[in-house]
Protein backbone atom coordinates (compact mmCIF):
# COMPACT_ATOMS: atom_id res chain seq x y z
CA UNK A 1 113.09 183.97 185.35
CA UNK A 2 113.29 182.99 181.67
CA UNK A 3 116.69 183.52 180.10
CA UNK A 4 116.09 185.50 176.86
CA UNK A 5 118.84 183.57 175.08
CA UNK A 6 117.20 180.20 175.71
CA UNK A 7 114.54 181.04 173.14
CA UNK A 8 117.01 181.58 170.29
CA UNK A 9 117.52 177.90 169.51
CA UNK A 10 114.51 176.08 168.10
CA UNK A 11 113.98 173.10 165.81
CA UNK A 12 116.34 171.36 163.41
CA UNK A 13 116.41 174.16 160.81
CA UNK A 14 119.09 176.11 162.70
CA UNK A 15 120.74 178.88 160.71
CA UNK A 16 123.79 180.77 162.02
CA UNK A 17 122.97 183.90 160.02
CA UNK A 18 119.50 184.09 161.53
CA UNK A 19 120.92 183.38 164.98
CA UNK A 20 123.38 186.27 164.67
CA UNK A 21 120.66 188.66 163.58
CA UNK A 22 118.33 187.65 166.42
CA UNK A 23 120.98 187.55 169.14
CA UNK A 24 122.16 191.07 168.28
CA UNK A 25 118.58 192.25 168.80
CA UNK A 26 118.30 190.40 172.14
CA UNK A 27 121.59 191.86 173.39
CA UNK A 28 120.55 195.42 172.51
CA UNK A 29 117.12 194.90 174.06
CA UNK A 30 118.55 193.51 177.29
CA UNK A 31 121.45 195.93 177.70
CA UNK A 32 120.09 199.15 176.27
CA UNK A 33 122.60 201.93 176.88
CA UNK A 34 124.30 200.16 179.80
CA UNK A 35 127.90 198.98 179.86
CA UNK A 36 128.87 195.31 179.96
CA UNK A 37 131.75 193.56 181.71
CA UNK A 38 133.18 190.43 180.06
CA UNK A 39 135.72 187.89 181.24
CA UNK A 40 138.07 187.56 178.28
CA UNK A 41 140.13 184.38 178.61
CA UNK A 42 141.31 184.16 175.02
CA UNK A 43 139.44 180.90 174.52
CA UNK A 44 137.02 180.39 171.64
CA UNK A 45 133.85 181.13 173.60
CA UNK A 46 134.95 184.33 175.32
CA UNK A 47 136.65 185.63 172.16
CA UNK A 48 133.54 185.13 170.03
CA UNK A 49 131.42 186.56 172.82
CA UNK A 50 133.62 189.67 172.89
CA UNK A 51 133.42 190.13 169.12
CA UNK A 52 129.64 189.71 169.16
CA UNK A 53 129.14 192.16 172.01
CA UNK A 54 131.47 194.70 170.41
CA UNK A 55 129.30 194.54 167.30
CA UNK A 56 126.02 194.76 169.23
CA UNK A 57 127.03 197.51 171.66
CA UNK A 58 130.19 199.20 170.33
CA UNK A 59 132.00 201.30 172.89
CA UNK A 60 130.13 199.80 175.83
CA UNK A 61 132.19 196.64 176.40
CA UNK A 62 134.76 196.40 179.18
CA UNK A 63 136.89 193.24 179.08
CA UNK A 64 138.78 191.90 182.08
CA UNK A 65 141.29 189.10 181.83
CA UNK A 66 141.66 187.38 185.19
CA UNK A 67 144.98 185.58 185.31
CA UNK A 68 144.09 183.00 187.95
CA UNK A 69 147.28 181.01 187.55
CA UNK A 70 145.30 178.03 186.27
CA UNK A 71 146.03 178.51 182.57
CA UNK A 72 148.37 176.58 180.32
CA UNK A 73 152.08 177.38 180.08
CA UNK A 74 152.71 181.00 178.97
CA UNK A 75 149.03 181.40 178.09
CA UNK A 76 148.47 184.52 180.18
CA UNK A 77 151.03 186.48 178.19
CA UNK A 78 149.74 185.04 174.92
CA UNK A 79 146.17 186.11 175.68
CA UNK A 80 147.23 189.64 176.54
CA UNK A 81 149.33 189.90 173.38
CA UNK A 82 146.53 188.58 171.17
CA UNK A 83 144.17 191.36 172.20
CA UNK A 84 146.63 194.20 172.71
CA UNK A 85 145.99 195.73 169.29
CA UNK A 86 142.22 195.20 169.19
CA UNK A 87 139.46 197.70 169.87
CA UNK A 88 138.80 196.40 173.37
CA UNK A 89 139.25 198.02 176.74
CA UNK A 90 141.21 195.21 178.40
CA UNK A 91 142.37 195.00 182.01
CA UNK A 92 144.63 192.14 183.16
CA UNK A 93 144.30 191.14 186.81
CA UNK A 94 146.99 189.01 188.45
CA UNK A 95 144.95 186.89 190.88
CA UNK A 96 146.98 183.65 190.87
CA UNK A 97 147.90 183.72 194.56
CA UNK A 98 144.32 184.53 195.50
CA UNK A 99 142.88 181.53 193.65
CA UNK A 100 145.53 179.09 194.85
CA UNK A 101 144.93 180.23 198.43
CA UNK A 102 141.17 179.63 198.11
CA UNK A 103 141.77 176.15 196.69
CA UNK A 104 144.17 175.06 199.43
CA UNK A 105 143.11 171.72 200.92
CA UNK A 106 140.19 171.28 198.48
CA UNK A 107 140.00 167.95 196.66
CA UNK A 108 136.35 167.61 195.58
CA UNK A 109 135.95 168.68 191.91
CA UNK A 110 132.52 170.26 192.37
CA UNK A 111 133.81 172.29 195.30
CA UNK A 112 136.74 173.44 193.16
CA UNK A 113 134.35 174.59 190.46
CA UNK A 114 132.13 176.44 192.92
CA UNK A 115 135.10 178.17 194.55
CA UNK A 116 136.57 179.23 191.22
CA UNK A 117 133.21 180.41 189.89
CA UNK A 118 132.56 182.49 193.00
CA UNK A 119 136.07 183.89 193.06
CA UNK A 120 135.73 184.95 189.42
CA UNK A 121 132.61 186.89 190.27
CA UNK A 122 134.21 188.51 193.31
CA UNK A 123 137.19 189.65 191.23
CA UNK A 124 134.83 191.09 188.63
CA UNK A 125 132.84 192.90 191.30
CA UNK A 126 135.98 194.44 192.71
CA UNK A 127 137.26 195.50 189.30
CA UNK A 128 133.84 196.79 188.28
CA UNK A 129 133.70 198.93 191.41
CA UNK A 130 136.76 200.79 190.14
CA UNK A 131 134.96 201.57 186.89
CA UNK A 132 131.69 203.40 186.32
CA UNK A 133 128.22 202.31 185.25
CA UNK A 134 128.96 198.62 184.77
CA UNK A 135 125.52 197.03 185.03
CA UNK A 136 125.78 193.69 183.21
CA UNK A 137 128.12 190.71 183.33
CA UNK A 138 128.66 188.77 180.08
CA UNK A 139 129.64 185.09 179.92
CA UNK A 140 130.62 182.73 177.11
CA UNK A 141 128.16 180.03 178.19
CA UNK A 142 127.37 177.64 175.32
CA UNK A 143 124.58 175.10 174.85
CA UNK A 144 126.45 171.98 176.10
CA UNK A 145 127.25 173.88 179.33
CA UNK A 146 123.54 174.47 179.85
CA UNK A 147 122.58 170.87 179.14
CA UNK A 148 125.28 169.29 181.31
CA UNK A 149 124.42 171.60 184.20
CA UNK A 150 120.81 170.45 184.10
CA UNK A 151 119.38 173.87 183.28
CA UNK A 152 117.15 172.65 180.45
CA UNK A 153 115.41 169.78 182.18
CA UNK A 154 118.28 167.30 181.84
CA UNK A 155 120.11 165.51 184.63
CA UNK A 156 123.04 167.58 185.87
CA UNK A 157 126.39 165.96 185.00
CA UNK A 158 128.57 168.67 186.52
CA UNK A 159 128.39 172.38 187.15
CA UNK A 160 130.15 174.78 184.81
CA UNK A 161 131.57 177.98 186.24
CA UNK A 162 129.65 179.78 183.47
CA UNK A 163 126.39 178.17 184.61
CA UNK A 164 126.43 176.36 187.92
CA UNK A 165 129.28 178.14 189.64
CA UNK A 166 127.65 181.54 190.10
CA UNK A 167 126.94 182.63 193.66
CA UNK A 168 123.36 183.47 194.57
CA UNK A 169 124.06 187.18 194.91
CA UNK A 170 126.08 189.16 192.39
CA UNK A 171 126.61 192.89 192.01
CA UNK A 172 125.19 193.16 188.48
CA UNK A 173 121.74 193.86 187.09
CA UNK A 174 121.81 190.79 184.87
CA UNK A 175 123.82 188.19 182.96
CA UNK A 176 124.39 188.42 179.20
CA UNK A 177 124.92 185.00 177.54
CA UNK A 178 124.70 185.47 173.75
CA UNK A 179 126.27 182.07 172.89
CA UNK A 180 123.94 180.13 175.16
CA UNK A 181 122.09 178.55 172.22
CA UNK A 182 125.16 177.40 170.27
CA UNK A 183 127.21 174.22 170.07
CA UNK A 184 130.99 174.59 169.85
CA UNK A 185 131.17 174.16 166.08
CA UNK A 186 128.51 176.87 165.69
CA UNK A 187 130.46 179.19 167.99
CA UNK A 188 133.49 178.77 165.73
CA UNK A 189 131.33 179.43 162.65
CA UNK A 190 129.98 182.60 164.22
CA UNK A 191 133.52 183.68 165.05
CA UNK A 192 134.50 183.30 161.39
CA UNK A 193 131.50 185.42 160.40
CA UNK A 194 132.58 188.10 162.86
CA UNK A 195 136.05 188.22 161.33
CA UNK A 196 138.06 186.65 164.14
CA UNK A 197 141.34 185.03 163.06
CA UNK A 198 141.55 181.22 162.84
CA UNK A 199 144.17 181.25 165.60
CA UNK A 200 141.37 182.20 168.00
CA UNK A 201 138.32 180.48 166.52
CA UNK A 202 140.09 177.14 166.01
CA UNK A 203 141.61 176.88 169.48
CA UNK A 204 140.69 173.71 171.34
CA UNK A 205 138.30 174.10 174.29
CA UNK A 206 139.65 174.90 177.73
CA UNK A 207 137.52 174.51 180.87
CA UNK A 208 136.44 177.61 182.78
CA UNK A 209 138.09 176.38 186.00
CA UNK A 210 141.28 175.86 184.01
CA UNK A 211 143.91 173.38 185.13
CA UNK A 212 142.21 173.03 188.50
CA UNK A 213 140.03 170.29 187.00
CA UNK A 214 143.00 168.66 185.29
CA UNK A 215 144.98 168.57 188.53
CA UNK A 216 143.34 165.77 190.49
CA UNK A 217 143.15 166.31 194.24
CA UNK A 218 144.46 169.44 195.92
CA UNK A 219 145.72 172.20 193.63
CA UNK A 220 149.16 173.59 194.50
CA UNK A 221 151.68 175.73 192.64
CA UNK A 222 154.09 172.82 192.51
CA UNK A 223 151.53 170.45 190.98
CA UNK A 224 150.41 173.11 188.51
CA UNK A 225 153.97 173.65 187.32
CA UNK A 226 154.36 169.90 186.68
CA UNK A 227 151.06 169.79 184.81
CA UNK A 228 151.85 172.87 182.71
CA UNK A 229 155.13 171.37 181.55
CA UNK A 230 153.61 167.98 180.72
CA UNK A 231 150.69 169.59 178.89
CA UNK A 232 153.01 171.85 176.89
CA UNK A 233 155.09 168.87 175.75
CA UNK A 234 151.98 166.90 174.77
CA UNK A 235 150.45 169.76 172.79
CA UNK A 236 153.74 170.55 171.08
CA UNK A 237 154.22 166.97 169.91
CA UNK A 238 150.61 166.52 168.74
CA UNK A 239 150.74 169.75 166.75
CA UNK A 240 154.11 168.94 165.16
CA UNK A 241 152.93 165.42 164.25
CA UNK A 242 150.04 166.79 162.21
CA UNK A 243 147.62 164.39 163.90
CA UNK A 244 144.09 165.81 164.18
CA UNK A 245 142.31 165.94 167.52
CA UNK A 246 139.39 168.09 168.60
CA UNK A 247 140.75 168.32 172.13
CA UNK A 248 143.91 167.02 173.76
CA UNK A 249 145.53 167.70 177.11
CA UNK A 250 147.46 166.27 180.04
CA UNK A 251 146.04 165.43 183.46
CA UNK A 252 148.11 165.26 186.64
CA UNK A 253 146.59 162.34 188.50
CA UNK A 254 146.60 162.11 192.28
CA UNK A 255 148.59 158.88 192.03
CA UNK A 256 152.27 158.16 192.54
CA UNK A 257 154.15 155.12 191.34
CA UNK A 258 157.52 153.47 191.87
CA UNK A 259 160.03 154.00 189.10
CA UNK A 260 163.72 154.17 188.28
CA UNK A 261 165.64 157.19 187.04
CA UNK A 262 169.41 157.14 186.60
CA UNK A 263 169.55 153.86 188.49
CA UNK A 264 167.83 155.36 191.52
CA UNK A 265 164.43 154.34 192.87
CA UNK A 266 161.81 157.09 192.51
CA UNK A 267 158.27 157.55 193.70
CA UNK A 268 156.95 159.98 191.12
CA UNK A 269 153.78 161.44 189.69
CA UNK A 270 151.58 159.74 187.10
CA UNK A 271 150.50 161.88 184.16
CA UNK A 272 147.51 160.88 182.01
CA UNK A 273 147.09 162.03 178.41
CA UNK A 274 143.71 162.48 176.75
CA UNK A 275 142.87 163.15 173.09
CA UNK A 276 139.37 162.96 171.65
CA UNK A 277 137.40 163.46 168.45
CA UNK A 278 133.86 164.79 168.48
CA UNK A 279 131.34 166.79 166.51
CA UNK A 280 129.42 168.41 169.35
CA UNK A 281 131.31 167.60 172.60
CA UNK A 282 128.19 165.89 173.91
CA UNK A 283 129.75 162.55 172.96
CA UNK A 284 133.29 161.69 171.95
CA UNK A 285 135.69 158.87 171.08
CA UNK A 286 139.33 158.66 172.08
CA UNK A 287 141.89 158.97 169.29
CA UNK A 288 144.12 155.92 168.76
CA UNK A 289 147.38 157.82 168.37
CA UNK A 290 150.26 155.83 166.85
CA UNK A 291 152.23 153.98 169.53
CA UNK A 292 155.48 155.53 168.35
CA UNK A 293 154.05 159.01 168.91
CA UNK A 294 152.80 158.12 172.39
CA UNK A 295 156.14 156.52 173.24
CA UNK A 296 158.01 159.66 172.13
CA UNK A 297 155.72 161.90 174.17
CA UNK A 298 156.08 159.67 177.22
CA UNK A 299 159.87 159.69 176.92
CA UNK A 300 159.95 163.47 176.70
CA UNK A 301 157.67 163.98 179.70
CA UNK A 302 159.47 161.51 181.95
CA UNK A 303 162.93 162.69 180.89
CA UNK A 304 162.26 166.42 181.02
CA UNK A 305 160.09 166.58 184.16
CA UNK A 306 161.94 165.18 187.20
CA UNK A 307 158.78 164.62 189.27
CA UNK A 308 157.06 162.40 186.66
CA UNK A 309 158.02 158.76 186.15
CA UNK A 310 154.94 157.29 184.47
CA UNK A 311 152.62 158.30 181.62
CA UNK A 312 149.28 156.63 180.79
CA UNK A 313 146.83 157.19 177.92
CA UNK A 314 143.07 157.56 178.44
CA UNK A 315 141.06 155.38 176.01
CA UNK A 316 137.61 156.19 177.47
CA UNK A 317 134.80 157.60 175.36
CA UNK A 318 131.95 159.90 176.36
CA UNK A 319 129.86 158.27 177.71
CA UNK A 320 130.73 156.66 180.08
CA UNK A 321 133.40 159.28 180.82
CA UNK A 322 133.31 163.02 180.25
CA UNK A 323 135.89 164.93 178.20
CA UNK A 324 137.46 166.36 181.36
CA UNK A 325 138.45 164.14 184.26
CA UNK A 326 136.75 166.36 186.83
């Protein structure tokens, strides 16, 4: 079946104003008088998707925020607060234990993505069953997701939970993907046009499967807590330094190393830091942060997180790597 949103992007003369006009028509044509369920994560894509749908079908959008426990430090509360005073019907679902349980013993990144994608859908189905007349599921799928998942004739690099992680059978009449023809910069531009605040439209990307693909190997609560603390320190220091990066985050590797803390031998975790610059997220270069900044960040992470005794910096571009490690 042809996705109606695939036809919205054509040629090199792309115009965001024309795209907005056409996508509003496609949404209304597809949805009609039905109600739509959207996963609102607070990220750029889902936020812009929510604003667009609210404009296209006012009063017919139901947003659900699934707190899967795989978000950055304090992010669940921040997301809820950011949308508490907006004209959205928002439900927050605490599903952290459920997701962690499903991921127990899983180390393969593609399996993680599939599990998380399916679990998202199952949570939505359960929440939708408590509501009435929810016929469509909306997703913040963007153009790079489609390309990397091999849905436009390209070779699949990895599945995205917005694209490749859907189970074969879902309890909805169809999927609404109004950002499917946009690159990230265009999504931000559309968000500005829709009146979203810069705090939302300028947020750095965050993968659908969350920290599960930044926690190498099995995902546990203990490992997630270590990763959240390291990532929070890294982001805090980058932001306070005023150094520009299009995306930056910490990765908890599945490697341990010998170290010394307080004169005692340790065998601690290795944290990797990644910061990149890009225009379209299809390719990227690493950012050569000043050594003094990296040294300061490393000292904070190893001093403030008892389980970490080594920090490394990723200097790989895309290609040959991807932005995310998994």
